[in-house]
C-alpha cells in the first residue's frame, strides 16, 4: 500500500514550514487510473463530494421530473451551500411545493457561513434552522425522491429506500461494493469506497451523454446544473463556486469535509478525486486547483485560481511572509 505523498508546501521566507500530505487520482472513462499520487486504493469517506452521486436516483427515477424540478434545484441537490438567502429562499420554496417544511428535514440546524445571513439572525436574536444547514438542498432532494417512492419519514436511515438507492448508485458508478458507511454531519449515511472508485465515478459523470440511458442522462443533467449555477453549489468566495466560474463550463467541482475534492471534466472525459491526510481545506483547495491547471481547464494566472493554487501568506500587518504552493511531485509531468 502506498503512503500519502507530499502534495502541498507552505513556505515562510526561505523555510519550508509545513507540508500537506494526501492521495489523488485521475481516471478516464474506461475506469483506468491515468495518474495517481499516494494510494489510489485507499478506502475513504467522500463526504459531501458524493452529493451528485446521492442525487442520481432523484433524477434517474423520474422523481425530479414528476416534481418539476429546475436546474437550480438540481444544483442545490448537489450543494454544500453557505446558507445565504439565495440558497435558503430556494430550499424553502422547494419544500413548500412538496407540502413540506423545515421540520421535515433531518439534517439538523446550522449557523450559516454567509455573513449577512448570520448577522441577520444575530440582530433579530433568532436561531438558525434546518434550512440553513449546508446540506438542506441534498435533503430536499431526498424528500422529493421519498415522496416519489412512498417511503417513511426516517429517510436518513441506511435501510430506507432512499439510502438504498443512493448506495446502489454510488457502488455502480464507482465499480465496487461499498465496505460500509459513516454518518455524515447532516445525519445521512456516507458510503465508503476507494479513492479510485470516486475517480471512476466522476469519470462516469464526465463521459455521460444526453442520448444515453437513464443513468447517463441523469448524470448529464446534474453536472450541467452544477456548472450552470456555481453560486448555488457553494456560494460567494467559496472555492467550488470560484473555480467553476474560472473553468467557464469545462469542469464541475465539489468539495467535501476533511480535505476531500472531486472534479468532472466532460470534454476530456476525466474524473478527479483527492483526499488530504490531515483533512485541511487549504491543502485540498490547492491540490484541486493544481490538478485542474495541469489538465488545462484552469488558467493559473486567473485571480480566482491563484487564490487557491498559490496564495500569499500574509501576517497581521499585511506583509507577505511566504506562500502556499503545490509540491513538485504534484506538478511533475
C-alpha atoms as a PDB file:
ATOM      1  CA  UNK A   1       0.000   0.000   0.000  1.00  0.00           C
ATOM      2  CA  UNK A   2       1.374   3.407  -0.970  1.00  0.00           C
ATOM      3  CA  UNK A   3       1.882   6.046   1.668  1.00  0.00           C
ATOM      4  CA  UNK A   4       0.397   9.537   1.387  1.00  0.00           C
ATOM      5  CA  UNK A   5       2.505  11.848  -0.703  1.00  0.00           C
ATOM      6  CA  UNK A   6       3.547  15.447  -0.103  1.00  0.00           C
ATOM      7  CA  UNK A   7       1.176  17.465  -2.292  1.00  0.00           C
ATOM      8  CA  UNK A   8       1.286  20.993  -0.839  1.00  0.00           C
ATOM      9  CA  UNK A   9       4.095  23.063   0.634  1.00  0.00           C
ATOM     10  CA  UNK A  10       3.783  26.071   2.950  1.00  0.00           C
ATOM     11  CA  UNK A  11       6.806  28.372   2.803  1.00  0.00           C
ATOM     12  CA  UNK A  12       7.749  31.190   5.178  1.00  0.00           C
ATOM     13  CA  UNK A  13      10.567  33.114   3.551  1.00  0.00           C
ATOM     14  CA  UNK A  14      13.188  30.542   2.600  1.00  0.00           C
ATOM     15  CA  UNK A  15      11.898  27.948   5.063  1.00  0.00           C
ATOM     16  CA  UNK A  16       9.576  25.066   4.254  1.00  0.00           C
ATOM     17  CA  UNK A  17       7.385  25.421   7.342  1.00  0.00           C
ATOM     18  CA  UNK A  18       4.627  22.870   6.696  1.00  0.00           C
ATOM     19  CA  UNK A  19       3.538  20.201   4.240  1.00  0.00           C
ATOM     20  CA  UNK A  20       0.150  18.707   3.476  1.00  0.00           C
ATOM     21  CA  UNK A  21       0.207  15.025   2.525  1.00  0.00           C
ATOM     22  CA  UNK A  22      -2.525  13.153   0.737  1.00  0.00           C
ATOM     23  CA  UNK A  23      -3.746  10.963  -2.085  1.00  0.00           C
ATOM     24  CA  UNK A  24      -5.056  11.932  -5.526  1.00  0.00           C
ATOM     25  CA  UNK A  25      -6.193  10.147  -8.653  1.00  0.00           C
ATOM     26  CA  UNK A  26      -7.185  10.947 -12.227  1.00  0.00           C
ATOM     27  CA  UNK A  27      -9.359   8.372 -14.024  1.00  0.00           C
ATOM     28  CA  UNK A  28     -10.594   8.071 -17.595  1.00  0.00           C
ATOM     29  CA  UNK A  29     -13.949   6.973 -18.988  1.00  0.00           C
ATOM     30  CA  UNK A  30     -12.792   3.330 -19.159  1.00  0.00           C
ATOM     31  CA  UNK A  31     -12.251   3.392 -15.411  1.00  0.00           C
ATOM     32  CA  UNK A  32      -8.473   3.295 -15.754  1.00  0.00           C
ATOM     33  CA  UNK A  33      -6.238   5.222 -13.370  1.00  0.00           C
ATOM     34  CA  UNK A  34      -4.396   7.663 -15.642  1.00  0.00           C
ATOM     35  CA  UNK A  35      -2.251   9.185 -12.907  1.00  0.00           C
ATOM     36  CA  UNK A  36      -2.074   8.801  -9.138  1.00  0.00           C
ATOM     37  CA  UNK A  37      -0.308  10.192  -6.087  1.00  0.00           C
ATOM     38  CA  UNK A  38      -0.226   8.249  -2.852  1.00  0.00           C
ATOM     39  CA  UNK A  39      -2.585   5.269  -2.678  1.00  0.00           C
ATOM     40  CA  UNK A  40      -5.404   5.128  -5.278  1.00  0.00           C
ATOM     41  CA  UNK A  41      -6.868   2.097  -3.498  1.00  0.00           C
ATOM     42  CA  UNK A  42      -7.223   3.863  -0.161  1.00  0.00           C
ATOM     43  CA  UNK A  43     -10.749   3.421   1.228  1.00  0.00           C
ATOM     44  CA  UNK A  44     -12.258   6.805   2.000  1.00  0.00           C
ATOM     45  CA  UNK A  45     -15.450   8.549   3.035  1.00  0.00           C
ATOM     46  CA  UNK A  46     -16.134  11.035   0.225  1.00  0.00           C
ATOM     47  CA  UNK A  47     -18.342  13.190   2.438  1.00  0.00           C
ATOM     48  CA  UNK A  48     -20.128  15.965   0.515  1.00  0.00           C
ATOM     49  CA  UNK A  49     -18.143  15.215  -2.640  1.00  0.00           C
ATOM     50  CA  UNK A  50     -20.616  12.344  -3.113  1.00  0.00           C
ATOM     51  CA  UNK A  51     -23.671  14.584  -3.365  1.00  0.00           C
ATOM     52  CA  UNK A  52     -24.081  14.320  -7.134  1.00  0.00           C
ATOM     53  CA  UNK A  53     -23.956  10.541  -6.725  1.00  0.00           C
ATOM     54  CA  UNK A  54     -26.573  10.683  -3.973  1.00  0.00           C
ATOM     55  CA  UNK A  55     -28.725  12.816  -6.293  1.00  0.00           C
ATOM     56  CA  UNK A  56     -28.603  10.366  -9.210  1.00  0.00           C
ATOM     57  CA  UNK A  57     -31.692   8.356  -8.058  1.00  0.00           C
ATOM     58  CA  UNK A  58     -33.642  11.617  -7.702  1.00  0.00           C
ATOM     59  CA  UNK A  59     -33.281  12.275 -11.431  1.00  0.00           C
ATOM     60  CA  UNK A  60     -32.980   8.734 -12.783  1.00  0.00           C
ATOM     61  CA  UNK A  61     -36.183   7.567 -11.068  1.00  0.00           C
ATOM     62  CA  UNK A  62     -38.297  10.298 -12.642  1.00  0.00           C
ATOM     63  CA  UNK A  63     -38.929  11.937  -9.253  1.00  0.00           C
ATOM     64  CA  UNK A  64     -37.254  15.186 -10.328  1.00  0.00           C
ATOM     65  CA  UNK A  65     -39.420  15.499 -13.423  1.00  0.00           C
ATOM     66  CA  UNK A  66     -42.556  14.494 -11.542  1.00  0.00           C
ATOM     67  CA  UNK A  67     -41.865  17.336  -9.094  1.00  0.00           C
ATOM     68  CA  UNK A  68     -40.960  19.734 -11.912  1.00  0.00           C
ATOM     69  CA  UNK A  69     -37.503  20.457 -10.509  1.00  0.00           C
ATOM     70  CA  UNK A  70     -35.488  23.218 -12.165  1.00  0.00           C
ATOM     71  CA  UNK A  71     -31.758  23.271 -12.891  1.00  0.00           C
ATOM     72  CA  UNK A  72     -31.399  25.489  -9.801  1.00  0.00           C
ATOM     73  CA  UNK A  73     -32.950  22.804  -7.625  1.00  0.00           C
ATOM     74  CA  UNK A  74     -30.754  20.107  -9.158  1.00  0.00           C
ATOM     75  CA  UNK A  75     -27.698  22.242  -8.373  1.00  0.00           C
ATOM     76  CA  UNK A  76     -28.915  22.633  -4.789  1.00  0.00           C
ATOM     77  CA  UNK A  77     -29.343  18.859  -4.522  1.00  0.00           C
ATOM     78  CA  UNK A  78     -25.576  18.649  -5.129  1.00  0.00           C
ATOM     79  CA  UNK A  79     -24.703  21.631  -2.946  1.00  0.00           C
ATOM     80  CA  UNK A  80     -22.882  22.355   0.278  1.00  0.00           C
ATOM     81  CA  UNK A  81     -24.258  25.874   0.393  1.00  0.00           C
ATOM     82  CA  UNK A  82     -23.380  28.595   2.874  1.00  0.00           C
ATOM     83  CA  UNK A  83     -26.906  29.458   3.973  1.00  0.00           C
ATOM     84  CA  UNK A  84     -27.235  32.710   2.039  1.00  0.00           C
ATOM     85  CA  UNK A  85     -30.675  33.961   1.067  1.00  0.00           C
ATOM     86  CA  UNK A  86     -30.191  32.696  -2.499  1.00  0.00           C
ATOM     87  CA  UNK A  87     -29.915  29.211  -1.006  1.00  0.00           C
ATOM     88  CA  UNK A  88     -32.411  29.221   1.846  1.00  0.00           C
ATOM     89  CA  UNK A  89     -35.167  31.012  -0.083  1.00  0.00           C
ATOM     90  CA  UNK A  90     -34.988  28.414  -2.836  1.00  0.00           C
ATOM     91  CA  UNK A  91     -34.941  25.454  -0.440  1.00  0.00           C
ATOM     92  CA  UNK A  92     -37.915  26.935   1.437  1.00  0.00           C
ATOM     93  CA  UNK A  93     -39.939  27.234  -1.776  1.00  0.00           C
ATOM     94  CA  UNK A  94     -38.904  23.727  -2.828  1.00  0.00           C
ATOM     95  CA  UNK A  95     -40.139  22.232   0.417  1.00  0.00           C
ATOM     96  CA  UNK A  96     -43.346  24.258   0.221  1.00  0.00           C
ATOM     97  CA  UNK A  97     -44.005  22.886  -3.270  1.00  0.00           C
ATOM     98  CA  UNK A  98     -43.735  19.405  -1.756  1.00  0.00           C
ATOM     99  CA  UNK A  99     -46.173  20.306   1.003  1.00  0.00           C
ATOM    100  CA  UNK A 100     -43.317  20.085   3.495  1.00  0.00           C
ATOM    101  CA  UNK A 101     -41.281  22.434   5.672  1.00  0.00           C
ATOM    102  CA  UNK A 102     -38.277  22.890   7.930  1.00  0.00           C
ATOM    103  CA  UNK A 103     -39.378  20.232  10.427  1.00  0.00           C
ATOM    104  CA  UNK A 104     -39.433  17.539   7.734  1.00  0.00           C
ATOM    105  CA  UNK A 105     -35.672  17.921   7.195  1.00  0.00           C
ATOM    106  CA  UNK A 106     -33.498  15.558   9.237  1.00  0.00           C
ATOM    107  CA  UNK A 107     -30.219  17.395   8.690  1.00  0.00           C
ATOM    108  CA  UNK A 108     -30.213  19.469  11.881  1.00  0.00           C
ATOM    109  CA  UNK A 109     -29.849  23.248  12.262  1.00  0.00           C
ATOM    110  CA  UNK A 110     -26.611  25.015  11.361  1.00  0.00           C
ATOM    111  CA  UNK A 111     -25.392  28.584  11.600  1.00  0.00           C
ATOM    112  CA  UNK A 112     -24.975  29.941   8.054  1.00  0.00           C
ATOM    113  CA  UNK A 113     -21.470  30.645   6.810  1.00  0.00           C
ATOM    114  CA  UNK A 114     -22.863  33.544   4.799  1.00  0.00           C
ATOM    115  CA  UNK A 115     -22.055  36.653   6.843  1.00  0.00           C
ATOM    116  CA  UNK A 116     -25.177  38.735   6.028  1.00  0.00           C
ATOM    117  CA  UNK A 117     -27.414  35.760   6.862  1.00  0.00           C
ATOM    118  CA  UNK A 118     -25.564  35.083  10.111  1.00  0.00           C
ATOM    119  CA  UNK A 119     -25.589  38.738  11.164  1.00  0.00           C
ATOM    120  CA  UNK A 120     -29.286  38.940  10.329  1.00  0.00           C
ATOM    121  CA  UNK A 121     -30.047  36.053  12.682  1.00  0.00           C
ATOM    122  CA  UNK A 122     -27.945  37.568  15.450  1.00  0.00           C
ATOM    123  CA  UNK A 123     -29.538  41.014  15.102  1.00  0.00           C
ATOM    124  CA  UNK A 124     -33.028  39.574  15.378  1.00  0.00           C
ATOM    125  CA  UNK A 125     -31.995  37.252  18.225  1.00  0.00           C
ATOM    126  CA  UNK A 126     -33.115  34.358  16.062  1.00  0.00           C
ATOM    127  CA  UNK A 127     -31.733  30.836  15.824  1.00  0.00           C
ATOM    128  CA  UNK A 128     -30.645  29.006  12.691  1.00  0.00           C
ATOM    129  CA  UNK A 129     -32.998  26.369  11.347  1.00  0.00           C
ATOM    130  CA  UNK A 130     -32.534  23.195   9.354  1.00  0.00           C
ATOM    131  CA  UNK A 131     -32.955  25.051   6.069  1.00  0.00           C
ATOM    132  CA  UNK A 132     -29.736  26.927   6.918  1.00  0.00           C
ATOM    133  CA  UNK A 133     -27.888  23.609   7.027  1.00  0.00           C
ATOM    134  CA  UNK A 134     -25.389  23.408   4.162  1.00  0.00           C
ATOM    135  CA  UNK A 135     -26.947  20.072   3.144  1.00  0.00           C
ATOM    136  CA  UNK A 136     -30.593  21.236   3.080  1.00  0.00           C
ATOM    137  CA  UNK A 137     -30.677  21.089  -0.726  1.00  0.00           C
ATOM    138  CA  UNK A 138     -29.498  17.477  -0.697  1.00  0.00           C
ATOM    139  CA  UNK A 139     -32.144  16.665   1.889  1.00  0.00           C
ATOM    140  CA  UNK A 140     -34.838  18.411  -0.142  1.00  0.00           C
ATOM    141  CA  UNK A 141     -33.765  16.078  -2.932  1.00  0.00           C
ATOM    142  CA  UNK A 142     -34.028  13.092  -0.602  1.00  0.00           C
ATOM    143  CA  UNK A 143     -37.547  14.200   0.401  1.00  0.00           C
ATOM    144  CA  UNK A 144     -38.548  14.597  -3.246  1.00  0.00           C
ATOM    145  CA  UNK A 145     -37.351  11.072  -4.021  1.00  0.00           C
ATOM    146  CA  UNK A 146     -39.001   9.768  -0.859  1.00  0.00           C
ATOM    147  CA  UNK A 147     -42.354  11.220  -1.882  1.00  0.00           C
ATOM    148  CA  UNK A 148     -41.968   9.511  -5.261  1.00  0.00           C
ATOM    149  CA  UNK A 149     -41.093   6.176  -3.626  1.00  0.00           C
ATOM    150  CA  UNK A 150     -43.672   6.428  -0.840  1.00  0.00           C
ATOM    151  CA  UNK A 151     -41.123   5.760   1.903  1.00  0.00           C
ATOM    152  CA  UNK A 152     -41.323   6.527   5.618  1.00  0.00           C
ATOM    153  CA  UNK A 153     -40.301   9.788   7.248  1.00  0.00           C
ATOM    154  CA  UNK A 154     -36.924   8.486   8.538  1.00  0.00           C
ATOM    155  CA  UNK A 155     -35.309   8.892   5.135  1.00  0.00           C
ATOM    156  CA  UNK A 156     -31.745   9.060   6.542  1.00  0.00           C
ATOM    157  CA  UNK A 157     -31.919   5.508   7.890  1.00  0.00           C
ATOM    158  CA  UNK A 158     -29.330   3.423   5.974  1.00  0.00           C
ATOM    159  CA  UNK A 159     -32.008   0.771   5.304  1.00  0.00           C
ATOM    160  CA  UNK A 160     -34.515   3.315   3.946  1.00  0.00           C
ATOM    161  CA  UNK A 161     -35.329   3.031   0.201  1.00  0.00           C
ATOM    162  CA  UNK A 162     -33.831   6.486  -0.424  1.00  0.00           C
ATOM    163  CA  UNK A 163     -30.473   5.498   1.063  1.00  0.00           C
ATOM    164  CA  UNK A 164     -30.516   2.070  -0.558  1.00  0.00           C
ATOM    165  CA  UNK A 165     -30.951   3.823  -3.910  1.00  0.00           C
ATOM    166  CA  UNK A 166     -28.083   6.198  -3.096  1.00  0.00           C
ATOM    167  CA  UNK A 167     -25.804   3.317  -2.119  1.00  0.00           C
ATOM    168  CA  UNK A 168     -26.633   1.386  -5.293  1.00  0.00           C
ATOM    169  CA  UNK A 169     -25.829   4.437  -7.437  1.00  0.00           C
ATOM    170  CA  UNK A 170     -22.523   5.037  -5.660  1.00  0.00           C
ATOM    171  CA  UNK A 171     -21.454   1.398  -5.943  1.00  0.00           C
ATOM    172  CA  UNK A 172     -22.447   1.180  -9.603  1.00  0.00           C
ATOM    173  CA  UNK A 173     -20.644   4.381 -10.576  1.00  0.00           C
ATOM    174  CA  UNK A 174     -17.555   3.509  -8.503  1.00  0.00           C
ATOM    175  CA  UNK A 175     -17.472  -0.006  -9.924  1.00  0.00           C
ATOM    176  CA  UNK A 176     -17.113  -1.606  -6.496  1.00  0.00           C
ATOM    177  CA  UNK A 177     -19.077  -2.562  -3.410  1.00  0.00           C
ATOM    178  CA  UNK A 178     -19.049  -0.172  -0.501  1.00  0.00           C
ATOM    179  CA  UNK A 179     -17.276  -1.534   2.564  1.00  0.00           C
ATOM    180  CA  UNK A 180     -19.587   0.327   4.926  1.00  0.00           C
ATOM    181  CA  UNK A 181     -20.602   3.821   5.918  1.00  0.00           C
ATOM    182  CA  UNK A 182     -20.159   6.601   8.416  1.00  0.00           C
ATOM    183  CA  UNK A 183     -22.884   9.022   9.491  1.00  0.00           C
ATOM    184  CA  UNK A 184     -22.277  12.399   7.899  1.00  0.00           C
ATOM    185  CA  UNK A 185     -22.666  15.785   9.549  1.00  0.00           C
ATOM    186  CA  UNK A 186     -26.184  16.019   8.151  1.00  0.00           C
ATOM    187  CA  UNK A 187     -27.183  12.589   9.606  1.00  0.00           C
ATOM    188  CA  UNK A 188     -27.278  10.783   6.234  1.00  0.00           C
ATOM    189  CA  UNK A 189     -25.065   7.716   5.703  1.00  0.00           C
ATOM    190  CA  UNK A 190     -21.874   8.397   3.757  1.00  0.00           C
ATOM    191  CA  UNK A 191     -20.813   5.264   1.910  1.00  0.00           C
ATOM    192  CA  UNK A 192     -17.139   4.327   1.773  1.00  0.00           C
ATOM    193  CA  UNK A 193     -15.407   3.462  -1.497  1.00  0.00           C
ATOM    194  CA  UNK A 194     -11.824   3.619  -2.723  1.00  0.00           C
ATOM    195  CA  UNK A 195     -10.316   6.859  -3.947  1.00  0.00           C
ATOM    196  CA  UNK A 196     -10.013   5.289  -7.411  1.00  0.00           C
ATOM    197  CA  UNK A 197     -13.688   4.360  -7.168  1.00  0.00           C
ATOM    198  CA  UNK A 198     -14.579   8.013  -6.698  1.00  0.00           C
ATOM    199  CA  UNK A 199     -12.322   8.899  -9.614  1.00  0.00           C
ATOM    200  CA  UNK A 200     -14.122   6.323 -11.774  1.00  0.00           C
ATOM    201  CA  UNK A 201     -17.482   7.670 -10.650  1.00  0.00           C
ATOM    202  CA  UNK A 202     -16.500  11.209 -11.651  1.00  0.00           C
ATOM    203  CA  UNK A 203     -15.156   9.962 -14.976  1.00  0.00           C
ATOM    204  CA  UNK A 204     -18.536   8.267 -15.488  1.00  0.00           C
ATOM    205  CA  UNK A 205     -20.228  11.617 -14.957  1.00  0.00           C
ATOM    206  CA  UNK A 206     -17.767  13.206 -17.376  1.00  0.00           C
ATOM    207  CA  UNK A 207     -18.327  10.632 -20.122  1.00  0.00           C
ATOM    208  CA  UNK A 208     -22.138  10.580 -19.797  1.00  0.00           C
ATOM    209  CA  UNK A 209     -24.077  11.849 -22.801  1.00  0.00           C
ATOM    210  CA  UNK A 210     -27.613  13.119 -23.183  1.00  0.00           C
ATOM    211  CA  UNK A 211     -28.546  10.368 -25.651  1.00  0.00           C
ATOM    212  CA  UNK A 212     -27.504   7.611 -23.248  1.00  0.00           C
ATOM    213  CA  UNK A 213     -29.551   5.547 -20.815  1.00  0.00           C
ATOM    214  CA  UNK A 214     -31.486   6.966 -17.851  1.00  0.00           C
ATOM    215  CA  UNK A 215     -28.399   6.937 -15.601  1.00  0.00           C
ATOM    216  CA  UNK A 216     -26.295   8.769 -18.181  1.00  0.00           C
ATOM    217  CA  UNK A 217     -28.992  11.366 -18.825  1.00  0.00           C
ATOM    218  CA  UNK A 218     -29.335  11.958 -15.088  1.00  0.00           C
ATOM    219  CA  UNK A 219     -25.564  12.422 -14.753  1.00  0.00           C
ATOM    220  CA  UNK A 220     -25.543  14.963 -17.573  1.00  0.00           C
ATOM    221  CA  UNK A 221     -28.360  16.965 -16.023  1.00  0.00           C
ATOM    222  CA  UNK A 222     -26.684  17.098 -12.619  1.00  0.00           C
ATOM    223  CA  UNK A 223     -23.202  18.062 -13.848  1.00  0.00           C
ATOM    224  CA  UNK A 224     -24.650  20.713 -16.153  1.00  0.00           C
ATOM    225  CA  UNK A 225     -26.817  22.127 -13.356  1.00  0.00           C
ATOM    226  CA  UNK A 226     -23.716  22.467 -11.184  1.00  0.00           C
ATOM    227  CA  UNK A 227     -21.775  24.292 -13.901  1.00  0.00           C
ATOM    228  CA  UNK A 228     -24.765  26.479 -14.754  1.00  0.00           C
ATOM    229  CA  UNK A 229     -25.319  27.568 -11.136  1.00  0.00           C
ATOM    230  CA  UNK A 230     -21.932  27.553  -9.365  1.00  0.00           C
ATOM    231  CA  UNK A 231     -23.203  30.147  -6.870  1.00  0.00           C
ATOM    232  CA  UNK A 232     -25.786  27.639  -5.624  1.00  0.00           C
ATOM    233  CA  UNK A 233     -23.345  24.740  -5.256  1.00  0.00           C
ATOM    234  CA  UNK A 234     -21.342  26.631  -2.608  1.00  0.00           C
ATOM    235  CA  UNK A 235     -21.561  30.428  -2.510  1.00  0.00           C
ATOM    236  CA  UNK A 236     -19.679  33.677  -2.964  1.00  0.00           C
ATOM    237  CA  UNK A 237     -15.937  33.461  -2.158  1.00  0.00           C
ATOM    238  CA  UNK A 238     -16.107  29.662  -1.837  1.00  0.00           C
ATOM    239  CA  UNK A 239     -13.627  27.559  -3.816  1.00  0.00           C
ATOM    240  CA  UNK A 240     -16.172  25.355  -5.626  1.00  0.00           C
ATOM    241  CA  UNK A 241     -18.021  28.425  -6.890  1.00  0.00           C
ATOM    242  CA  UNK A 242     -14.920  30.439  -7.801  1.00  0.00           C
ATOM    243  CA  UNK A 243     -13.131  27.593  -9.577  1.00  0.00           C
ATOM    244  CA  UNK A 244     -16.210  26.555 -11.559  1.00  0.00           C
ATOM    245  CA  UNK A 245     -16.623  30.154 -12.663  1.00  0.00           C
ATOM    246  CA  UNK A 246     -12.968  30.217 -13.689  1.00  0.00           C
ATOM    247  CA  UNK A 247     -13.485  26.936 -15.558  1.00  0.00           C
ATOM    248  CA  UNK A 248     -16.243  28.517 -17.648  1.00  0.00           C
ATOM    249  CA  UNK A 249     -18.287  25.377 -18.289  1.00  0.00           C
ATOM    250  CA  UNK A 250     -15.330  22.998 -18.627  1.00  0.00           C
ATOM    251  CA  UNK A 251     -15.471  21.473 -15.152  1.00  0.00           C
ATOM    252  CA  UNK A 252     -17.871  20.647 -12.321  1.00  0.00           C
ATOM    253  CA  UNK A 253     -16.198  20.711  -8.895  1.00  0.00           C
ATOM    254  CA  UNK A 254     -17.364  19.583  -5.475  1.00  0.00           C
ATOM    255  CA  UNK A 255     -15.587  19.684  -2.157  1.00  0.00           C
ATOM    256  CA  UNK A 256     -16.228  17.559   0.889  1.00  0.00           C
ATOM    257  CA  UNK A 257     -15.353  17.759   4.571  1.00  0.00           C
ATOM    258  CA  UNK A 258     -11.978  16.579   5.871  1.00  0.00           C
ATOM    259  CA  UNK A 259      -9.989  17.595   2.817  1.00  0.00           C
ATOM    260  CA  UNK A 260     -11.880  15.840   0.028  1.00  0.00           C
ATOM    261  CA  UNK A 261     -12.437  17.117  -3.528  1.00  0.00           C
ATOM    262  CA  UNK A 262     -13.701  15.773  -6.838  1.00  0.00           C
ATOM    263  CA  UNK A 263     -13.910  17.194 -10.348  1.00  0.00           C
ATOM    264  CA  UNK A 264     -15.750  16.217 -13.540  1.00  0.00           C
ATOM    265  CA  UNK A 265     -14.174  17.156 -16.897  1.00  0.00           C
ATOM    266  CA  UNK A 266     -16.723  16.422 -19.672  1.00  0.00           C
ATOM    267  CA  UNK A 267     -14.615  17.486 -22.673  1.00  0.00           C
ATOM    268  CA  UNK A 268     -11.745  15.201 -21.662  1.00  0.00           C
ATOM    269  CA  UNK A 269     -13.973  12.511 -20.109  1.00  0.00           C
ATOM    270  CA  UNK A 270     -11.829  12.518 -16.974  1.00  0.00           C
ATOM    271  CA  UNK A 271     -12.631  12.331 -13.288  1.00  0.00           C
ATOM    272  CA  UNK A 272     -10.511  13.579 -10.394  1.00  0.00           C
ATOM    273  CA  UNK A 273     -10.663  12.658  -6.705  1.00  0.00           C
ATOM    274  CA  UNK A 274      -8.360  13.616  -3.850  1.00  0.00           C
ATOM    275  CA  UNK A 275      -8.106  13.259  -0.087  1.00  0.00           C
ATOM    276  CA  UNK A 276      -5.773  15.179   2.232  1.00  0.00           C
ATOM    277  CA  UNK A 277      -4.482  13.067   5.104  1.00  0.00           C
ATOM    278  CA  UNK A 278      -4.762  15.922   7.599  1.00  0.00           C
ATOM    279  CA  UNK A 279      -8.241  16.944   6.437  1.00  0.00           C
ATOM    280  CA  UNK A 280      -7.174  20.567   5.951  1.00  0.00           C
ATOM    281  CA  UNK A 281      -9.121  22.581   3.383  1.00  0.00           C
ATOM    282  CA  UNK A 282      -6.287  24.884   2.330  1.00  0.00           C
ATOM    283  CA  UNK A 283      -4.430  21.778   1.193  1.00  0.00           C
ATOM    284  CA  UNK A 284      -7.327  20.243  -0.733  1.00  0.00           C
ATOM    285  CA  UNK A 285      -8.141  23.551  -2.453  1.00  0.00           C
ATOM    286  CA  UNK A 286      -4.536  23.943  -3.581  1.00  0.00           C
ATOM    287  CA  UNK A 287      -4.403  20.381  -4.925  1.00  0.00           C
ATOM    288  CA  UNK A 288      -7.680  20.542  -6.865  1.00  0.00           C
ATOM    289  CA  UNK A 289      -6.629  23.857  -8.411  1.00  0.00           C
ATOM    290  CA  UNK A 290      -3.210  22.434  -9.330  1.00  0.00           C
ATOM    291  CA  UNK A 291      -4.647  19.300 -10.925  1.00  0.00           C
ATOM    292  CA  UNK A 292      -7.148  21.293 -12.962  1.00  0.00           C
ATOM    293  CA  UNK A 293      -4.388  23.637 -14.133  1.00  0.00           C
ATOM    294  CA  UNK A 294      -2.339  20.553 -15.024  1.00  0.00           C
ATOM    295  CA  UNK A 295      -5.298  19.222 -17.032  1.00  0.00           C
ATOM    296  CA  UNK A 296      -5.728  22.526 -18.873  1.00  0.00           C
ATOM    297  CA  UNK A 297      -9.172  23.596 -17.659  1.00  0.00           C
ATOM    298  CA  UNK A 298      -7.982  26.389 -15.343  1.00  0.00           C
ATOM    299  CA  UNK A 299      -5.624  29.290 -16.037  1.00  0.00           C
ATOM    300  CA  UNK A 300      -3.044  29.712 -13.241  1.00  0.00           C
ATOM    301  CA  UNK A 301      -2.992  33.475 -13.890  1.00  0.00           C
ATOM    302  CA  UNK A 302      -6.715  33.824 -13.157  1.00  0.00           C
ATOM    303  CA  UNK A 303      -7.032  35.584  -9.751  1.00  0.00           C
ATOM    304  CA  UNK A 304      -9.782  33.148  -8.729  1.00  0.00           C
ATOM    305  CA  UNK A 305      -7.403  30.262  -9.413  1.00  0.00           C
ATOM    306  CA  UNK A 306      -4.258  31.810  -7.905  1.00  0.00           C
ATOM    307  CA  UNK A 307      -6.143  32.440  -4.667  1.00  0.00           C
ATOM    308  CA  UNK A 308      -6.242  28.648  -4.145  1.00  0.00           C
ATOM    309  CA  UNK A 309      -3.282  27.462  -6.210  1.00  0.00           C
ATOM    310  CA  UNK A 310      -0.569  29.777  -4.930  1.00  0.00           C
ATOM    311  CA  UNK A 311      -1.880  32.170  -2.262  1.00  0.00           C
ATOM    312  CA  UNK A 312       0.416  34.550  -0.422  1.00  0.00           C
ATOM    313  CA  UNK A 313       0.826  34.099   3.321  1.00  0.00           C
ATOM    314  CA  UNK A 314       0.128  37.481   4.891  1.00  0.00           C
ATOM    315  CA  UNK A 315       0.726  38.470   8.504  1.00  0.00           C
ATOM    316  CA  UNK A 316      -1.479  40.735  10.619  1.00  0.00           C
ATOM    317  CA  UNK A 317       0.268  43.831   9.258  1.00  0.00           C
ATOM    318  CA  UNK A 318      -0.463  42.758   5.705  1.00  0.00           C
ATOM    319  CA  UNK A 319       3.150  41.850   4.954  1.00  0.00           C
ATOM    320  CA  UNK A 320       3.785  38.994   2.538  1.00  0.00           C
ATOM    321  CA  UNK A 321       5.699  36.428   4.595  1.00  0.00           C
ATOM    322  CA  UNK A 322       5.560  33.432   2.280  1.00  0.00           C
ATOM    323  CA  UNK A 323       3.376  31.326   0.019  1.00  0.00           C
ATOM    324  CA  UNK A 324       1.394  28.120  -0.308  1.00  0.00           C
ATOM    325  CA  UNK A 325       2.188  26.111  -3.433  1.00  0.00           C
ATOM    326  CA  UNK A 326       1.754  22.658  -4.965  1.00  0.00           C
ATOM    327  CA  UNK A 327       4.620  20.253  -4.426  1.00  0.00           C
ATOM    328  CA  UNK A 328       6.993  19.421  -7.271  1.00  0.00           C
ATOM    329  CA  UNK A 329       5.670  15.851  -7.244  1.00  0.00           C
ATOM    330  CA  UNK A 330       2.151  17.090  -7.960  1.00  0.00           C
ATOM    331  CA  UNK A 331       3.253  19.265 -10.875  1.00  0.00           C
ATOM    332  CA  UNK A 332       5.627  16.755 -12.455  1.00  0.00           C
ATOM    333  CA  UNK A 333       4.636  15.693 -15.974  1.00  0.00           C
END
